[in-house]
Amino acid sequence: MLLDGDNVNAPVQGFTDDALKEAFLDGAIAGPASYPPGPTSSDGFDLITSQQGLTILKTPSGSGPPATVTLQVTKVAMGTGTFQTDRGNLPFPAWQFWMQGVQNPASVLAISPKEVFTPPPSNNRPQGVGAGTIGRDDRTLLLTFAGPPAGTGPCEANFVASSGESASAVAVSLRTITSPKYKNVACAAVGVDRHLTIRLLTPLRNRVVVDASSVMAVPVTKGSA
């Protein structure tokens, strides 16, 4: 899974005054008297503890003035939060923290960080595959990318897609096939939408799809077929 947004959702409807908001952004949060136990896994994901969730919640997320008050956590419980991922906005297990003076809880993604794909620093290589669509069987993956028009003529090309799979990721790559007799022909750098389908060895499930060229995650949506 690739997390495209934050792993912390602020309380719905915000805060009643600026002091409480600044305390939240500054991580000025005091833990509860006791922490509840929780499940260690869910839907194949390893989960963090409520104490680890509080550590994440207390990580400063703003650069404003220092907090003048401290938020006191009054209740902690396992719940569900919606987070932005490479598959769109999805519900996941989340530790929810209620704080004194705040009406609604803050939610911290309960999935272990080791289960979340973190893109490496840019290698300045262009991303080959731009998007993917996974079929209803969870194994048929349609790849979308930009390239020359299909064919064997000048400024045309055909492509072959391949993939490598692990327990946490599917790496996809493209190989360009052009006619050698046109190798010295100058072509405009104009790409059209191209599509190729590959069949995964095992269902995609929660694995992230990675473009092998750029090592960047490929956003995947669910298809209707």
Protein backbone atom coordinates (compact mmCIF):
# COMPACT_ATOMS: atom_id res chain seq x y z
CA MET A 1 0.00 0.00 0.00
CA LEU A 2 1.16 3.54 -0.74
CA LEU A 3 -0.09 6.29 1.54
CA ASP A 4 -0.64 9.40 -0.60
CA GLY A 5 -1.71 11.65 2.27
CA ASP A 6 -1.19 12.02 6.00
CA ASN A 7 -1.41 9.09 8.42
CA VAL A 8 -3.24 11.34 10.91
CA ASN A 9 -6.75 12.70 10.47
CA ALA A 10 -7.49 15.77 12.58
CA PRO A 11 -10.78 15.85 14.51
CA VAL A 12 -13.82 16.46 12.32
CA GLN A 13 -15.14 20.03 12.65
CA GLY A 14 -11.76 21.18 13.93
CA PHE A 15 -11.11 22.95 17.19
CA THR A 16 -13.09 25.47 19.20
CA ASP A 17 -10.18 27.93 19.50
CA ASP A 18 -6.74 28.62 18.06
CA ALA A 19 -4.91 27.54 21.22
CA LEU A 20 -6.24 23.99 20.96
CA LYS A 21 -5.44 23.86 17.25
CA GLU A 22 -1.87 25.07 17.85
CA ALA A 23 -1.43 22.45 20.58
CA PHE A 24 -2.55 19.72 18.16
CA LEU A 25 -0.24 20.90 15.38
CA ASP A 26 2.67 21.26 17.82
CA GLY A 27 2.17 17.78 19.26
CA ALA A 28 1.52 19.16 22.74
CA ILE A 29 -0.60 16.18 23.73
CA ALA A 30 -0.57 14.32 27.04
CA GLY A 31 -1.34 10.61 27.02
CA PRO A 32 -4.10 8.87 28.94
CA ALA A 33 -3.73 7.15 32.29
CA SER A 34 -3.83 3.74 30.57
CA TYR A 35 -3.73 2.37 27.04
CA PRO A 36 -6.12 -0.23 25.66
CA PRO A 37 -4.80 -3.41 24.05
CA GLY A 38 -5.64 -3.94 20.41
CA PRO A 39 -5.39 -6.50 17.62
CA THR A 40 -1.95 -7.18 16.19
CA SER A 41 -3.18 -7.62 12.61
CA SER A 42 -6.14 -6.92 10.34
CA ASP A 43 -6.80 -7.97 6.73
CA GLY A 44 -3.20 -9.11 6.36
CA PHE A 45 -1.71 -5.89 7.77
CA ASP A 46 0.41 -5.73 10.92
CA LEU A 47 -0.92 -3.10 13.31
CA ILE A 48 0.79 -0.72 15.71
CA THR A 49 -0.08 -0.39 19.40
CA SER A 50 -2.08 2.47 20.87
CA GLN A 51 1.13 3.81 22.46
CA GLN A 52 2.81 3.89 19.06
CA GLY A 53 -0.25 5.65 17.69
CA LEU A 54 0.10 8.36 20.31
CA THR A 55 3.76 8.83 19.38
CA ILE A 56 2.69 9.46 15.79
CA LEU A 57 -0.08 11.80 16.94
CA LYS A 58 2.46 13.83 18.97
CA THR A 59 4.76 14.37 15.99
CA PRO A 60 4.59 18.11 15.21
CA SER A 61 2.87 18.82 11.90
CA GLY A 62 2.95 22.62 11.88
CA SER A 63 5.50 25.40 11.98
CA GLY A 64 3.47 28.05 13.77
CA PRO A 65 3.95 29.55 17.21
CA PRO A 66 4.66 27.17 20.13
CA ALA A 67 1.64 25.79 21.94
CA THR A 68 0.39 27.61 25.03
CA VAL A 69 -1.81 24.74 26.25
CA THR A 70 -1.58 20.94 26.34
CA LEU A 71 -4.29 18.65 25.03
CA GLN A 72 -5.17 15.84 27.41
CA VAL A 73 -6.17 12.50 25.89
CA THR A 74 -9.23 11.20 27.71
CA LYS A 75 -10.05 8.06 25.72
CA VAL A 76 -8.32 5.76 23.21
CA ALA A 77 -10.08 3.11 21.12
CA MET A 78 -9.56 1.13 17.94
CA GLY A 79 -11.83 2.33 15.14
CA THR A 80 -11.77 3.07 11.42
CA GLY A 81 -10.47 6.06 9.49
CA THR A 82 -10.43 6.98 5.82
CA PHE A 83 -7.00 7.62 4.33
CA GLN A 84 -5.74 8.60 0.88
CA THR A 85 -3.80 5.81 -0.85
CA ASP A 86 -2.70 4.68 -4.31
CA ARG A 87 -6.13 2.97 -4.54
CA GLY A 88 -8.08 6.10 -3.67
CA ASN A 89 -9.63 6.99 -0.30
CA LEU A 90 -10.04 3.79 1.68
CA PRO A 91 -11.13 2.84 5.22
CA PHE A 92 -8.45 1.29 7.42
CA PRO A 93 -8.03 0.41 11.10
CA ALA A 94 -7.17 3.52 13.08
CA TRP A 95 -6.45 4.39 16.66
CA GLN A 96 -8.86 7.11 17.72
CA PHE A 97 -7.91 9.63 20.38
CA TRP A 98 -10.48 11.75 22.22
CA MET A 99 -9.06 14.91 23.82
CA GLN A 100 -10.44 17.16 26.51
CA GLY A 101 -12.18 20.21 25.03
CA VAL A 102 -12.35 18.67 21.52
CA GLN A 103 -15.67 17.24 20.35
CA ASN A 104 -14.46 14.58 17.93
CA PRO A 105 -11.48 12.21 18.00
CA ALA A 106 -8.30 12.36 15.95
CA SER A 107 -7.54 9.18 13.97
CA VAL A 108 -4.09 7.67 13.47
CA LEU A 109 -3.56 4.99 10.82
CA ALA A 110 -3.02 1.77 12.78
CA ILE A 111 -1.20 -0.07 9.98
CA SER A 112 2.48 -0.60 10.73
CA PRO A 113 4.82 1.75 8.80
CA LYS A 114 6.65 -1.30 7.42
CA GLU A 115 3.45 -2.19 5.54
CA VAL A 116 3.37 1.22 3.81
CA PHE A 117 5.45 1.72 0.66
CA THR A 118 7.75 4.75 0.83
CA PRO A 119 9.06 5.89 -2.57
CA PRO A 120 12.85 6.24 -2.70
CA PRO A 121 14.51 9.56 -3.55
CA SER A 122 14.03 10.52 -7.18
CA ASN A 123 16.45 8.83 -9.56
CA ASN A 124 15.52 11.35 -12.29
CA ARG A 125 14.27 8.53 -14.51
CA PRO A 126 10.86 9.16 -16.09
CA GLN A 127 7.98 7.02 -14.95
CA GLY A 128 7.01 4.54 -17.65
CA VAL A 129 3.63 3.26 -16.43
CA GLY A 130 1.30 6.06 -15.40
CA ALA A 131 -1.73 4.19 -14.06
CA GLY A 132 -3.25 0.77 -13.65
CA THR A 133 -6.70 -0.79 -13.52
CA ILE A 134 -7.20 -4.08 -11.71
CA GLY A 135 -9.97 -6.38 -12.88
CA ARG A 136 -12.66 -7.94 -10.75
CA ASP A 137 -10.60 -11.14 -10.56
CA ASP A 138 -7.85 -9.12 -8.81
CA ARG A 139 -5.25 -10.58 -11.19
CA THR A 140 -5.84 -8.90 -14.56
CA LEU A 141 -3.92 -5.62 -14.51
CA LEU A 142 -4.42 -3.08 -17.31
CA LEU A 143 -1.45 -0.71 -17.60
CA THR A 144 -1.83 2.79 -19.04
CA PHE A 145 1.17 4.73 -20.30
CA ALA A 146 2.18 7.33 -22.88
CA GLY A 147 4.08 6.31 -25.98
CA PRO A 148 4.30 6.61 -29.75
CA PRO A 149 1.39 5.31 -31.83
CA ALA A 150 1.34 1.53 -32.34
CA GLY A 151 2.93 0.21 -35.50
CA THR A 152 6.17 -0.63 -37.28
CA GLY A 153 6.55 2.56 -39.29
CA PRO A 154 8.65 5.65 -38.57
CA CYS A 155 7.79 7.30 -35.23
CA GLU A 156 5.73 4.24 -34.24
CA ALA A 157 6.47 1.57 -31.67
CA ASN A 158 5.09 -1.50 -30.00
CA PHE A 159 5.52 -2.39 -26.35
CA VAL A 160 5.84 -5.52 -24.25
CA ALA A 161 5.02 -5.44 -20.54
CA SER A 162 6.49 -7.68 -17.86
CA SER A 163 6.20 -7.91 -14.11
CA GLY A 164 7.95 -9.21 -11.03
CA GLU A 165 6.06 -9.99 -7.84
CA SER A 166 6.86 -10.10 -4.14
CA ALA A 167 4.71 -10.38 -1.04
CA SER A 168 4.39 -6.58 -0.79
CA ALA A 169 4.76 -5.21 -4.34
CA VAL A 170 4.35 -5.82 -8.05
CA ALA A 171 7.01 -4.21 -10.25
CA VAL A 172 5.94 -3.56 -13.85
CA SER A 173 8.21 -2.63 -16.74
CA LEU A 174 7.86 -1.81 -20.42
CA ARG A 175 10.10 -2.79 -23.34
CA THR A 176 9.91 -0.72 -26.51
CA ILE A 177 10.07 -2.44 -29.89
CA THR A 178 10.84 -0.22 -32.90
CA SER A 179 11.87 -0.93 -36.47
CA PRO A 180 15.69 -0.67 -36.80
CA LYS A 181 15.44 0.77 -40.31
CA TYR A 182 13.95 3.97 -38.88
CA LYS A 183 16.48 4.46 -36.08
CA ASN A 184 17.87 7.66 -37.63
CA VAL A 185 14.47 9.26 -38.23
CA ALA A 186 13.80 12.34 -36.10
CA CYS A 187 10.40 12.14 -34.40
CA ALA A 188 8.44 14.67 -32.41
CA ALA A 189 8.20 13.85 -28.71
CA VAL A 190 4.44 13.32 -28.82
CA GLY A 191 2.86 10.46 -26.87
CA VAL A 192 -0.58 8.92 -27.06
CA ASP A 193 -2.36 6.83 -24.46
CA ARG A 194 -1.30 3.20 -24.77
CA HIS A 195 -2.59 0.17 -22.88
CA LEU A 196 -1.25 -3.29 -22.13
CA THR A 197 -2.68 -6.06 -19.97
CA ILE A 198 -0.67 -8.41 -17.78
CA ARG A 199 -1.83 -11.38 -15.74
CA LEU A 200 -0.54 -11.49 -12.17
CA LEU A 201 0.61 -14.78 -10.67
CA THR A 202 -1.38 -14.13 -7.50
CA PRO A 203 -4.18 -11.66 -6.60
CA LEU A 204 -3.02 -8.08 -6.15
CA ARG A 205 -4.83 -7.52 -2.83
CA ASN A 206 -3.01 -4.85 -0.83
CA ARG A 207 0.27 -4.94 -2.73
CA VAL A 208 1.55 -1.72 -4.26
CA VAL A 209 2.24 -1.55 -8.01
CA VAL A 210 5.63 0.02 -8.77
CA ASP A 211 7.02 1.27 -12.08
CA ALA A 212 10.36 -0.53 -12.38
CA SER A 213 12.02 2.33 -14.27
CA SER A 214 11.39 5.15 -11.81
CA VAL A 215 10.64 2.98 -8.71
CA MET A 216 7.57 5.15 -8.20
CA ALA A 217 4.18 3.81 -7.18
CA VAL A 218 1.52 3.42 -9.86
CA PRO A 219 -2.02 4.50 -8.84
CA VAL A 220 -4.46 1.62 -9.34
CA THR A 221 -8.23 1.76 -9.63
CA LYS A 222 -10.73 -1.07 -9.73
CA GLY A 223 -12.25 -1.95 -13.07
CA SER A 224 -15.77 -3.14 -13.80
CA ALA A 225 -14.74 -6.15 -15.87
